[in-house]
């Protein structure tokens, strides 16, 4: 069994060794740039840990893990463009550095590269892997569209939001876990339980993102906190604040959401105070803990010795203790 740190180091070395010697360079330089920006590499790490539950040669599926990370970064590249974000992981986003047109084309090429890297997997598993990935990619696009449409609505319910983040975020973690299981010849029931584990921990992870955007440490976060508040983004926090606020609190929230000329820090401080008064901070923590608890149930149902699951369990615990 490998530790998650050893797996991450092995994966990063593999990713850094990928060649982009095609032309034009202006198309491939942004791809190298995006993939060199770091990040937690959660999805490939989860895939390799899932595989390692059953087999001791996770290096044999590095191309598949690389495919998932390439695809994930493709979604971030296009996400930044749609959100007009200037910074990602403390560095200029691709569209800010190379322009929107190149960002679109480089992102599209990353999607193609993801499929090319997937196609290197075992021939007898290729159809299952491609079917799972294609369904997942469609779901992520659906989640992204729901997310954008929510910005035009004032009546988004909590259950709609949870389904949106399941599609936009959770299903790729779930896909990564199941791919690792499939490639390791895991029993179908285990593969499904690992999928559900990834799905549930993905929900906890995204809700934690919402929470940290308000309550995180900007020095650790790599950007100013409160970005979701400033942009009036429909998050678990804002949706529940409206649902649970009294009349006076709701009116104050509406006033700040309706403002077009404001001081960012003042808005963040005021809305955060309202969240605290309404109890949104505690509510979010309870919801995060709920989904994390659900994920542990599915992991417990995976029929491998507890000792083989220890590293995956430790990694999941660390995910939920993150501060950024």
C-alpha atoms as a PDB file:
ATOM      1  CA  UNK A   1       0.000   0.000   0.000  1.00  0.00           C
ATOM      2  CA  UNK A   2       1.178   3.507  -0.851  1.00  0.00           C
ATOM      3  CA  UNK A   3       0.550   6.600   1.233  1.00  0.00           C
ATOM      4  CA  UNK A   4      -1.442   9.439  -0.276  1.00  0.00           C
ATOM      5  CA  UNK A   5       1.692  11.614  -0.155  1.00  0.00           C
ATOM      6  CA  UNK A   6       3.662   9.032  -2.135  1.00  0.00           C
ATOM      7  CA  UNK A   7       0.797   8.720  -4.613  1.00  0.00           C
ATOM      8  CA  UNK A   8       0.602  12.483  -5.027  1.00  0.00           C
ATOM      9  CA  UNK A   9       4.354  12.739  -5.585  1.00  0.00           C
ATOM     10  CA  UNK A  10       4.243   9.934  -8.160  1.00  0.00           C
ATOM     11  CA  UNK A  11       1.317  11.556  -9.954  1.00  0.00           C
ATOM     12  CA  UNK A  12       2.888  15.017 -10.032  1.00  0.00           C
ATOM     13  CA  UNK A  13       6.083  13.607 -11.547  1.00  0.00           C
ATOM     14  CA  UNK A  14       4.017  11.840 -14.213  1.00  0.00           C
ATOM     15  CA  UNK A  15       2.000  14.967 -14.975  1.00  0.00           C
ATOM     16  CA  UNK A  16       5.119  17.113 -15.239  1.00  0.00           C
ATOM     17  CA  UNK A  17       6.572  14.622 -17.716  1.00  0.00           C
ATOM     18  CA  UNK A  18       3.770  15.035 -20.247  1.00  0.00           C
ATOM     19  CA  UNK A  19       4.910  16.452 -23.587  1.00  0.00           C
ATOM     20  CA  UNK A  20       3.134  19.200 -25.484  1.00  0.00           C
ATOM     21  CA  UNK A  21       5.384  19.414 -28.530  1.00  0.00           C
ATOM     22  CA  UNK A  22       2.627  20.076 -31.051  1.00  0.00           C
ATOM     23  CA  UNK A  23       2.014  23.357 -32.848  1.00  0.00           C
ATOM     24  CA  UNK A  24       1.030  26.082 -32.425  1.00  0.00           C
ATOM     25  CA  UNK A  25       2.757  26.657 -29.106  1.00  0.00           C
ATOM     26  CA  UNK A  26       0.255  29.391 -28.282  1.00  0.00           C
ATOM     27  CA  UNK A  27      -2.427  26.693 -28.030  1.00  0.00           C
ATOM     28  CA  UNK A  28      -0.462  24.334 -25.772  1.00  0.00           C
ATOM     29  CA  UNK A  29       1.367  26.812 -23.529  1.00  0.00           C
ATOM     30  CA  UNK A  30      -1.861  27.665 -21.665  1.00  0.00           C
ATOM     31  CA  UNK A  31      -2.471  23.945 -21.105  1.00  0.00           C
ATOM     32  CA  UNK A  32       0.977  23.473 -19.587  1.00  0.00           C
ATOM     33  CA  UNK A  33       0.399  26.640 -17.567  1.00  0.00           C
ATOM     34  CA  UNK A  34      -2.920  25.468 -16.137  1.00  0.00           C
ATOM     35  CA  UNK A  35      -1.622  22.015 -15.245  1.00  0.00           C
ATOM     36  CA  UNK A  36       1.486  23.500 -13.610  1.00  0.00           C
ATOM     37  CA  UNK A  37      -0.509  25.746 -11.278  1.00  0.00           C
ATOM     38  CA  UNK A  38      -0.637  23.091  -8.589  1.00  0.00           C
ATOM     39  CA  UNK A  39      -3.826  22.394  -6.738  1.00  0.00           C
ATOM     40  CA  UNK A  40      -4.712  19.574  -4.424  1.00  0.00           C
ATOM     41  CA  UNK A  41      -4.908  16.861  -7.143  1.00  0.00           C
ATOM     42  CA  UNK A  42      -7.767  15.314  -5.182  1.00  0.00           C
ATOM     43  CA  UNK A  43      -9.393  13.471  -8.075  1.00  0.00           C
ATOM     44  CA  UNK A  44      -6.324  11.562  -9.332  1.00  0.00           C
ATOM     45  CA  UNK A  45      -5.281  10.847  -5.749  1.00  0.00           C
ATOM     46  CA  UNK A  46      -8.698   9.365  -4.968  1.00  0.00           C
ATOM     47  CA  UNK A  47      -8.595   7.258  -8.124  1.00  0.00           C
ATOM     48  CA  UNK A  48      -5.165   5.864  -7.308  1.00  0.00           C
ATOM     49  CA  UNK A  49      -6.116   5.227  -3.672  1.00  0.00           C
ATOM     50  CA  UNK A  50      -9.243   3.361  -4.807  1.00  0.00           C
ATOM     51  CA  UNK A  51      -7.169   1.222  -7.171  1.00  0.00           C
ATOM     52  CA  UNK A  52      -4.633   0.612  -4.405  1.00  0.00           C
ATOM     53  CA  UNK A  53      -7.353  -0.932  -2.236  1.00  0.00           C
ATOM     54  CA  UNK A  54      -7.148  -3.982  -4.509  1.00  0.00           C
ATOM     55  CA  UNK A  55      -3.823  -3.880  -6.362  1.00  0.00           C
ATOM     56  CA  UNK A  56      -0.328  -2.714  -5.532  1.00  0.00           C
ATOM     57  CA  UNK A  57       0.668  -1.158  -8.868  1.00  0.00           C
ATOM     58  CA  UNK A  58      -1.214   2.176  -9.052  1.00  0.00           C
ATOM     59  CA  UNK A  59       1.518   3.444 -11.383  1.00  0.00           C
ATOM     60  CA  UNK A  60      -0.135   1.317 -14.090  1.00  0.00           C
ATOM     61  CA  UNK A  61      -3.168   3.651 -14.258  1.00  0.00           C
ATOM     62  CA  UNK A  62      -1.389   7.014 -14.144  1.00  0.00           C
ATOM     63  CA  UNK A  63      -2.596   7.897 -17.637  1.00  0.00           C
ATOM     64  CA  UNK A  64      -6.223   7.502 -16.543  1.00  0.00           C
ATOM     65  CA  UNK A  65      -5.572   9.596 -13.439  1.00  0.00           C
ATOM     66  CA  UNK A  66      -3.917  12.217 -15.646  1.00  0.00           C
ATOM     67  CA  UNK A  67      -6.991  12.219 -17.896  1.00  0.00           C
ATOM     68  CA  UNK A  68      -9.262  13.058 -14.973  1.00  0.00           C
ATOM     69  CA  UNK A  69      -6.989  15.858 -13.766  1.00  0.00           C
ATOM     70  CA  UNK A  70      -6.719  17.250 -17.306  1.00  0.00           C
ATOM     71  CA  UNK A  71     -10.495  17.236 -17.631  1.00  0.00           C
ATOM     72  CA  UNK A  72     -10.955  18.864 -14.212  1.00  0.00           C
ATOM     73  CA  UNK A  73      -8.602  21.689 -15.137  1.00  0.00           C
ATOM     74  CA  UNK A  74     -10.387  22.112 -18.461  1.00  0.00           C
ATOM     75  CA  UNK A  75     -13.599  22.786 -16.525  1.00  0.00           C
ATOM     76  CA  UNK A  76     -11.794  25.304 -14.308  1.00  0.00           C
ATOM     77  CA  UNK A  77     -10.365  27.100 -17.340  1.00  0.00           C
ATOM     78  CA  UNK A  78     -13.813  27.557 -18.876  1.00  0.00           C
ATOM     79  CA  UNK A  79     -15.349  28.282 -15.456  1.00  0.00           C
ATOM     80  CA  UNK A  80     -12.919  31.160 -14.938  1.00  0.00           C
ATOM     81  CA  UNK A  81     -13.815  32.549 -18.348  1.00  0.00           C
ATOM     82  CA  UNK A  82     -17.561  32.386 -17.664  1.00  0.00           C
ATOM     83  CA  UNK A  83     -17.104  33.933 -14.211  1.00  0.00           C
ATOM     84  CA  UNK A  84     -14.709  36.625 -15.514  1.00  0.00           C
ATOM     85  CA  UNK A  85     -12.262  35.538 -12.797  1.00  0.00           C
ATOM     86  CA  UNK A  86      -8.860  37.214 -12.906  1.00  0.00           C
ATOM     87  CA  UNK A  87      -6.967  34.924 -10.514  1.00  0.00           C
ATOM     88  CA  UNK A  88      -6.768  31.164  -9.978  1.00  0.00           C
ATOM     89  CA  UNK A  89      -4.489  29.721  -7.269  1.00  0.00           C
ATOM     90  CA  UNK A  90      -2.758  33.061  -6.904  1.00  0.00           C
ATOM     91  CA  UNK A  91      -1.908  33.374 -10.614  1.00  0.00           C
ATOM     92  CA  UNK A  92      -3.526  35.085 -13.595  1.00  0.00           C
ATOM     93  CA  UNK A  93      -6.220  33.018 -15.289  1.00  0.00           C
ATOM     94  CA  UNK A  94      -5.706  31.865 -18.867  1.00  0.00           C
ATOM     95  CA  UNK A  95      -8.158  34.308 -20.424  1.00  0.00           C
ATOM     96  CA  UNK A  96      -6.500  37.203 -18.593  1.00  0.00           C
ATOM     97  CA  UNK A  97      -3.056  36.179 -19.843  1.00  0.00           C
ATOM     98  CA  UNK A  98      -3.841  34.887 -23.355  1.00  0.00           C
ATOM     99  CA  UNK A  99      -7.335  36.197 -24.111  1.00  0.00           C
ATOM    100  CA  UNK A 100     -10.782  34.628 -24.245  1.00  0.00           C
ATOM    101  CA  UNK A 101     -10.423  33.006 -27.669  1.00  0.00           C
ATOM    102  CA  UNK A 102      -7.251  31.138 -26.742  1.00  0.00           C
ATOM    103  CA  UNK A 103      -8.805  30.140 -23.407  1.00  0.00           C
ATOM    104  CA  UNK A 104     -11.721  28.533 -25.251  1.00  0.00           C
ATOM    105  CA  UNK A 105      -9.502  26.724 -27.761  1.00  0.00           C
ATOM    106  CA  UNK A 106      -6.979  25.541 -25.166  1.00  0.00           C
ATOM    107  CA  UNK A 107      -9.815  24.327 -22.968  1.00  0.00           C
ATOM    108  CA  UNK A 108     -11.338  22.403 -25.853  1.00  0.00           C
ATOM    109  CA  UNK A 109      -7.954  20.827 -26.551  1.00  0.00           C
ATOM    110  CA  UNK A 110      -7.689  19.778 -22.904  1.00  0.00           C
ATOM    111  CA  UNK A 111     -10.993  17.925 -23.244  1.00  0.00           C
ATOM    112  CA  UNK A 112      -9.639  16.070 -26.284  1.00  0.00           C
ATOM    113  CA  UNK A 113      -6.416  15.286 -24.427  1.00  0.00           C
ATOM    114  CA  UNK A 114      -8.440  13.894 -21.524  1.00  0.00           C
ATOM    115  CA  UNK A 115     -10.114  11.399 -23.869  1.00  0.00           C
ATOM    116  CA  UNK A 116      -6.780  10.537 -25.469  1.00  0.00           C
ATOM    117  CA  UNK A 117      -5.278   9.782 -22.058  1.00  0.00           C
ATOM    118  CA  UNK A 118      -8.317   7.726 -21.042  1.00  0.00           C
ATOM    119  CA  UNK A 119      -7.966   5.642 -24.188  1.00  0.00           C
ATOM    120  CA  UNK A 120      -4.614   4.307 -22.958  1.00  0.00           C
ATOM    121  CA  UNK A 121      -6.293   2.216 -20.252  1.00  0.00           C
ATOM    122  CA  UNK A 122      -6.665  -1.560 -20.420  1.00  0.00           C
ATOM    123  CA  UNK A 123      -8.490  -2.523 -23.613  1.00  0.00           C
ATOM    124  CA  UNK A 124     -10.934  -4.804 -21.781  1.00  0.00           C
ATOM    125  CA  UNK A 125     -11.974  -1.904 -19.518  1.00  0.00           C
ATOM    126  CA  UNK A 126     -12.061   0.840 -22.134  1.00  0.00           C
ATOM    127  CA  UNK A 127     -15.814   0.786 -22.830  1.00  0.00           C
ATOM    128  CA  UNK A 128     -16.723   0.882 -19.132  1.00  0.00           C
ATOM    129  CA  UNK A 129     -14.271   3.717 -18.514  1.00  0.00           C
ATOM    130  CA  UNK A 130     -15.409   5.784 -21.505  1.00  0.00           C
ATOM    131  CA  UNK A 131     -19.090   5.235 -20.712  1.00  0.00           C
ATOM    132  CA  UNK A 132     -18.580   6.356 -17.114  1.00  0.00           C
ATOM    133  CA  UNK A 133     -16.505   9.363 -18.103  1.00  0.00           C
ATOM    134  CA  UNK A 134     -18.898  10.506 -20.839  1.00  0.00           C
ATOM    135  CA  UNK A 135     -21.904  10.322 -18.529  1.00  0.00           C
ATOM    136  CA  UNK A 136     -19.957  12.219 -15.871  1.00  0.00           C
ATOM    137  CA  UNK A 137     -18.869  14.936 -18.316  1.00  0.00           C
ATOM    138  CA  UNK A 138     -22.483  15.432 -19.425  1.00  0.00           C
ATOM    139  CA  UNK A 139     -23.613  15.698 -15.808  1.00  0.00           C
ATOM    140  CA  UNK A 140     -20.935  18.289 -15.048  1.00  0.00           C
ATOM    141  CA  UNK A 141     -22.129  20.414 -17.963  1.00  0.00           C
ATOM    142  CA  UNK A 142     -25.686  20.110 -16.669  1.00  0.00           C
ATOM    143  CA  UNK A 143     -24.525  21.208 -13.226  1.00  0.00           C
ATOM    144  CA  UNK A 144     -22.696  24.196 -14.682  1.00  0.00           C
ATOM    145  CA  UNK A 145     -25.817  25.271 -16.572  1.00  0.00           C
ATOM    146  CA  UNK A 146     -27.947  24.946 -13.426  1.00  0.00           C
ATOM    147  CA  UNK A 147     -25.369  27.047 -11.563  1.00  0.00           C
ATOM    148  CA  UNK A 148     -25.529  29.829 -14.144  1.00  0.00           C
ATOM    149  CA  UNK A 149     -29.333  29.739 -14.336  1.00  0.00           C
ATOM    150  CA  UNK A 150     -29.582  30.055 -10.547  1.00  0.00           C
ATOM    151  CA  UNK A 151     -27.963  33.494 -10.800  1.00  0.00           C
ATOM    152  CA  UNK A 152     -31.080  34.698 -12.633  1.00  0.00           C
ATOM    153  CA  UNK A 153     -33.459  33.359  -9.969  1.00  0.00           C
ATOM    154  CA  UNK A 154     -34.422  34.492  -6.485  1.00  0.00           C
ATOM    155  CA  UNK A 155     -36.286  31.325  -5.524  1.00  0.00           C
ATOM    156  CA  UNK A 156     -33.558  28.660  -5.525  1.00  0.00           C
ATOM    157  CA  UNK A 157     -34.267  25.974  -2.924  1.00  0.00           C
ATOM    158  CA  UNK A 158     -31.670  24.134  -0.873  1.00  0.00           C
ATOM    159  CA  UNK A 159     -32.474  20.793  -2.520  1.00  0.00           C
ATOM    160  CA  UNK A 160     -31.948  22.347  -5.973  1.00  0.00           C
ATOM    161  CA  UNK A 161     -28.598  23.704  -4.871  1.00  0.00           C
ATOM    162  CA  UNK A 162     -27.498  20.343  -3.480  1.00  0.00           C
ATOM    163  CA  UNK A 163     -28.401  18.634  -6.761  1.00  0.00           C
ATOM    164  CA  UNK A 164     -26.498  21.304  -8.702  1.00  0.00           C
ATOM    165  CA  UNK A 165     -23.288  20.818  -6.713  1.00  0.00           C
ATOM    166  CA  UNK A 166     -23.712  17.047  -6.931  1.00  0.00           C
ATOM    167  CA  UNK A 167     -23.634  17.383 -10.709  1.00  0.00           C
ATOM    168  CA  UNK A 168     -21.050  20.139 -10.988  1.00  0.00           C
ATOM    169  CA  UNK A 169     -18.576  18.893  -8.368  1.00  0.00           C
ATOM    170  CA  UNK A 170     -19.400  15.564  -6.720  1.00  0.00           C
ATOM    171  CA  UNK A 171     -19.828  13.308  -9.723  1.00  0.00           C
ATOM    172  CA  UNK A 172     -16.206  13.788 -10.864  1.00  0.00           C
ATOM    173  CA  UNK A 173     -14.883  12.668  -7.475  1.00  0.00           C
ATOM    174  CA  UNK A 174     -17.297   9.741  -7.627  1.00  0.00           C
ATOM    175  CA  UNK A 175     -16.196   8.943 -11.182  1.00  0.00           C
ATOM    176  CA  UNK A 176     -12.531   8.966 -10.145  1.00  0.00           C
ATOM    177  CA  UNK A 177     -13.195   6.515  -7.314  1.00  0.00           C
ATOM    178  CA  UNK A 178     -15.205   4.163  -9.520  1.00  0.00           C
ATOM    179  CA  UNK A 179     -12.633   4.255 -12.324  1.00  0.00           C
ATOM    180  CA  UNK A 180      -9.939   3.192  -9.888  1.00  0.00           C
ATOM    181  CA  UNK A 181     -12.143   0.336  -8.722  1.00  0.00           C
ATOM    182  CA  UNK A 182     -13.036  -0.785 -12.268  1.00  0.00           C
ATOM    183  CA  UNK A 183      -9.403  -0.819 -13.374  1.00  0.00           C
ATOM    184  CA  UNK A 184      -8.495  -2.844 -10.271  1.00  0.00           C
ATOM    185  CA  UNK A 185     -11.138  -5.495 -11.065  1.00  0.00           C
ATOM    186  CA  UNK A 186     -13.090  -4.660  -7.910  1.00  0.00           C
ATOM    187  CA  UNK A 187     -16.470  -6.354  -7.395  1.00  0.00           C
ATOM    188  CA  UNK A 188     -19.304  -4.264  -8.909  1.00  0.00           C
ATOM    189  CA  UNK A 189     -20.851  -3.667  -5.474  1.00  0.00           C
ATOM    190  CA  UNK A 190     -17.564  -2.240  -4.196  1.00  0.00           C
ATOM    191  CA  UNK A 191     -17.212  -0.040  -7.270  1.00  0.00           C
ATOM    192  CA  UNK A 192     -20.703   1.343  -6.665  1.00  0.00           C
ATOM    193  CA  UNK A 193     -20.050   1.947  -2.955  1.00  0.00           C
ATOM    194  CA  UNK A 194     -16.835   3.762  -3.822  1.00  0.00           C
ATOM    195  CA  UNK A 195     -18.794   5.878  -6.314  1.00  0.00           C
ATOM    196  CA  UNK A 196     -21.298   6.810  -3.599  1.00  0.00           C
ATOM    197  CA  UNK A 197     -18.443   7.510  -1.184  1.00  0.00           C
ATOM    198  CA  UNK A 198     -16.935   9.951  -3.685  1.00  0.00           C
ATOM    199  CA  UNK A 199     -20.316  11.539  -4.341  1.00  0.00           C
ATOM    200  CA  UNK A 200     -21.053  12.159  -0.674  1.00  0.00           C
ATOM    201  CA  UNK A 201     -17.595  13.438   0.187  1.00  0.00           C
ATOM    202  CA  UNK A 202     -17.824  15.662  -2.881  1.00  0.00           C
ATOM    203  CA  UNK A 203     -20.975  17.269  -1.485  1.00  0.00           C
ATOM    204  CA  UNK A 204     -19.243  17.839   1.849  1.00  0.00           C
ATOM    205  CA  UNK A 205     -16.210  19.247   0.022  1.00  0.00           C
ATOM    206  CA  UNK A 206     -18.225  21.784  -1.996  1.00  0.00           C
ATOM    207  CA  UNK A 207     -20.243  22.903   1.020  1.00  0.00           C
ATOM    208  CA  UNK A 208     -16.941  23.345   2.810  1.00  0.00           C
ATOM    209  CA  UNK A 209     -15.831  25.565  -0.095  1.00  0.00           C
ATOM    210  CA  UNK A 210     -18.929  27.721   0.421  1.00  0.00           C
ATOM    211  CA  UNK A 211     -18.162  27.926   4.130  1.00  0.00           C
ATOM    212  CA  UNK A 212     -14.472  28.760   3.667  1.00  0.00           C
ATOM    213  CA  UNK A 213     -15.271  31.511   1.169  1.00  0.00           C
ATOM    214  CA  UNK A 214     -16.902  33.312   4.099  1.00  0.00           C
ATOM    215  CA  UNK A 215     -14.960  32.067   7.110  1.00  0.00           C
ATOM    216  CA  UNK A 216     -11.596  30.979   5.680  1.00  0.00           C
ATOM    217  CA  UNK A 217      -8.197  32.582   6.194  1.00  0.00           C
ATOM    218  CA  UNK A 218      -7.327  34.634   3.079  1.00  0.00           C
ATOM    219  CA  UNK A 219      -3.619  33.919   3.611  1.00  0.00           C
ATOM    220  CA  UNK A 220      -4.290  30.200   3.299  1.00  0.00           C
ATOM    221  CA  UNK A 221      -7.072  30.549   0.724  1.00  0.00           C
ATOM    222  CA  UNK A 222      -4.837  32.245  -1.854  1.00  0.00           C
ATOM    223  CA  UNK A 223      -7.403  34.977  -2.493  1.00  0.00           C
ATOM    224  CA  UNK A 224      -9.614  37.400  -0.617  1.00  0.00           C
ATOM    225  CA  UNK A 225     -12.491  35.720   1.163  1.00  0.00           C
ATOM    226  CA  UNK A 226     -16.060  36.833   0.584  1.00  0.00           C
ATOM    227  CA  UNK A 227     -15.983  36.640  -3.197  1.00  0.00           C
ATOM    228  CA  UNK A 228     -19.310  34.799  -3.245  1.00  0.00           C
ATOM    229  CA  UNK A 229     -20.862  37.518  -1.072  1.00  0.00           C
ATOM    230  CA  UNK A 230     -19.528  40.328  -3.263  1.00  0.00           C
ATOM    231  CA  UNK A 231     -20.915  38.690  -6.432  1.00  0.00           C
ATOM    232  CA  UNK A 232     -24.260  37.651  -4.863  1.00  0.00           C
ATOM    233  CA  UNK A 233     -23.524  34.046  -5.821  1.00  0.00           C
ATOM    234  CA  UNK A 234     -26.247  31.587  -4.887  1.00  0.00           C
ATOM    235  CA  UNK A 235     -24.498  29.409  -2.331  1.00  0.00           C
ATOM    236  CA  UNK A 236     -25.728  27.159   0.449  1.00  0.00           C
ATOM    237  CA  UNK A 237     -25.063  30.087   2.791  1.00  0.00           C
ATOM    238  CA  UNK A 238     -27.067  32.727   0.915  1.00  0.00           C
ATOM    239  CA  UNK A 239     -29.974  30.424   0.008  1.00  0.00           C
ATOM    240  CA  UNK A 240     -30.455  29.411   3.635  1.00  0.00           C
ATOM    241  CA  UNK A 241     -29.950  32.947   4.903  1.00  0.00           C
ATOM    242  CA  UNK A 242     -32.974  34.056   2.870  1.00  0.00           C
ATOM    243  CA  UNK A 243     -34.970  31.003   3.921  1.00  0.00           C
ATOM    244  CA  UNK A 244     -34.319  31.494   7.652  1.00  0.00           C
ATOM    245  CA  UNK A 245     -33.968  35.266   8.073  1.00  0.00           C
ATOM    246  CA  UNK A 246     -36.602  37.325   9.866  1.00  0.00           C
ATOM    247  CA  UNK A 247     -38.187  40.290   8.101  1.00  0.00           C
ATOM    248  CA  UNK A 248     -35.559  42.821   9.207  1.00  0.00           C
ATOM    249  CA  UNK A 249     -32.641  40.539   8.325  1.00  0.00           C
ATOM    250  CA  UNK A 250     -34.150  39.715   4.926  1.00  0.00           C
ATOM    251  CA  UNK A 251     -34.611  43.395   4.133  1.00  0.00           C
ATOM    252  CA  UNK A 252     -30.987  44.112   5.031  1.00  0.00           C
ATOM    253  CA  UNK A 253     -29.810  41.223   2.848  1.00  0.00           C
ATOM    254  CA  UNK A 254     -31.930  42.459  -0.056  1.00  0.00           C
ATOM    255  CA  UNK A 255     -30.528  45.969   0.330  1.00  0.00           C
ATOM    256  CA  UNK A 256     -26.958  44.734  -0.002  1.00  0.00           C
ATOM    257  CA  UNK A 257     -27.760  42.378  -2.866  1.00  0.00           C
ATOM    258  CA  UNK A 258     -29.445  45.205  -4.746  1.00  0.00           C
ATOM    259  CA  UNK A 259     -26.536  47.622  -4.390  1.00  0.00           C
ATOM    260  CA  UNK A 260     -24.341  48.246  -7.429  1.00  0.00           C
ATOM    261  CA  UNK A 261     -21.999  50.744  -5.781  1.00  0.00           C
ATOM    262  CA  UNK A 262     -20.515  49.517  -2.512  1.00  0.00           C
ATOM    263  CA  UNK A 263     -17.339  48.883  -0.556  1.00  0.00           C
ATOM    264  CA  UNK A 264     -16.448  45.190  -0.855  1.00  0.00           C
ATOM    265  CA  UNK A 265     -15.152  44.869   2.701  1.00  0.00           C
ATOM    266  CA  UNK A 266     -18.219  46.545   4.165  1.00  0.00           C
ATOM    267  CA  UNK A 267     -20.540  44.246   2.229  1.00  0.00           C
ATOM    268  CA  UNK A 268     -18.629  41.118   3.270  1.00  0.00           C
ATOM    269  CA  UNK A 269     -18.568  42.197   6.924  1.00  0.00           C
ATOM    270  CA  UNK A 270     -22.279  43.045   6.965  1.00  0.00           C
ATOM    271  CA  UNK A 271     -23.477  39.880   5.229  1.00  0.00           C
ATOM    272  CA  UNK A 272     -21.171  37.731   7.370  1.00  0.00           C
ATOM    273  CA  UNK A 273     -22.664  39.355  10.472  1.00  0.00           C
ATOM    274  CA  UNK A 274     -26.141  38.506   9.197  1.00  0.00           C
ATOM    275  CA  UNK A 275     -25.066  34.908   8.529  1.00  0.00           C
ATOM    276  CA  UNK A 276     -23.840  34.685  12.119  1.00  0.00           C
ATOM    277  CA  UNK A 277     -27.047  36.172  13.515  1.00  0.00           C
ATOM    278  CA  UNK A 278     -29.194  33.772  11.494  1.00  0.00           C
ATOM    279  CA  UNK A 279     -26.991  30.790  12.416  1.00  0.00           C
ATOM    280  CA  UNK A 280     -25.890  29.944   8.885  1.00  0.00           C
ATOM    281  CA  UNK A 281     -22.341  29.130  10.011  1.00  0.00           C
ATOM    282  CA  UNK A 282     -23.583  26.383  12.360  1.00  0.00           C
ATOM    283  CA  UNK A 283     -26.091  25.132   9.799  1.00  0.00           C
ATOM    284  CA  UNK A 284     -23.379  24.766   7.157  1.00  0.00           C
ATOM    285  CA  UNK A 285     -21.071  22.888   9.521  1.00  0.00           C
ATOM    286  CA  UNK A 286     -23.891  20.488  10.394  1.00  0.00           C
ATOM    287  CA  UNK A 287     -24.576  19.836   6.708  1.00  0.00           C
ATOM    288  CA  UNK A 288     -20.898  19.269   5.954  1.00  0.00           C
ATOM    289  CA  UNK A 289     -20.683  16.809   8.831  1.00  0.00           C
ATOM    290  CA  UNK A 290     -23.822  15.033   7.618  1.00  0.00           C
ATOM    291  CA  UNK A 291     -22.474  14.332   4.126  1.00  0.00           C
ATOM    292  CA  UNK A 292     -19.078  13.365   5.483  1.00  0.00           C
ATOM    293  CA  UNK A 293     -20.808  10.896   7.798  1.00  0.00           C
ATOM    294  CA  UNK A 294     -22.759   9.469   4.858  1.00  0.00           C
ATOM    295  CA  UNK A 295     -19.539   9.011   2.893  1.00  0.00           C
ATOM    296  CA  UNK A 296     -18.061   6.946   5.720  1.00  0.00           C
ATOM    297  CA  UNK A 297     -21.043   4.568   5.598  1.00  0.00           C
ATOM    298  CA  UNK A 298     -20.358   3.771   1.947  1.00  0.00           C
ATOM    299  CA  UNK A 299     -16.643   3.317   2.576  1.00  0.00           C
ATOM    300  CA  UNK A 300     -17.425   0.951   5.451  1.00  0.00           C
ATOM    301  CA  UNK A 301     -19.511  -1.151   3.053  1.00  0.00           C
ATOM    302  CA  UNK A 302     -16.533  -1.718   0.723  1.00  0.00           C
ATOM    303  CA  UNK A 303     -15.489  -5.319   1.292  1.00  0.00           C
ATOM    304  CA  UNK A 304     -11.753  -5.027   1.733  1.00  0.00           C
ATOM    305  CA  UNK A 305      -9.895  -5.310   5.054  1.00  0.00           C
ATOM    306  CA  UNK A 306     -10.023  -2.217   7.249  1.00  0.00           C
ATOM    307  CA  UNK A 307      -6.228  -2.061   7.116  1.00  0.00           C
ATOM    308  CA  UNK A 308      -6.370  -1.648   3.316  1.00  0.00           C
ATOM    309  CA  UNK A 309      -8.838   1.221   3.729  1.00  0.00           C
ATOM    310  CA  UNK A 310      -6.778   3.047   6.358  1.00  0.00           C
ATOM    311  CA  UNK A 311      -4.944   5.360   3.951  1.00  0.00           C
ATOM    312  CA  UNK A 312      -8.086   6.323   2.035  1.00  0.00           C
ATOM    313  CA  UNK A 313      -9.857   6.946   5.342  1.00  0.00           C
ATOM    314  CA  UNK A 314      -6.991   9.146   6.535  1.00  0.00           C
ATOM    315  CA  UNK A 315      -6.955  11.075   3.266  1.00  0.00           C
ATOM    316  CA  UNK A 316     -10.715  11.704   3.450  1.00  0.00           C
ATOM    317  CA  UNK A 317     -10.383  12.880   7.052  1.00  0.00           C
ATOM    318  CA  UNK A 318      -7.680  15.342   6.014  1.00  0.00           C
ATOM    319  CA  UNK A 319      -9.877  16.639   3.184  1.00  0.00           C
ATOM    320  CA  UNK A 320     -12.490  17.605   5.733  1.00  0.00           C
ATOM    321  CA  UNK A 321      -9.974  19.271   8.042  1.00  0.00           C
ATOM    322  CA  UNK A 322      -8.645  21.608   5.346  1.00  0.00           C
ATOM    323  CA  UNK A 323      -8.524  25.364   5.915  1.00  0.00           C
ATOM    324  CA  UNK A 324      -8.406  26.373   2.236  1.00  0.00           C
END
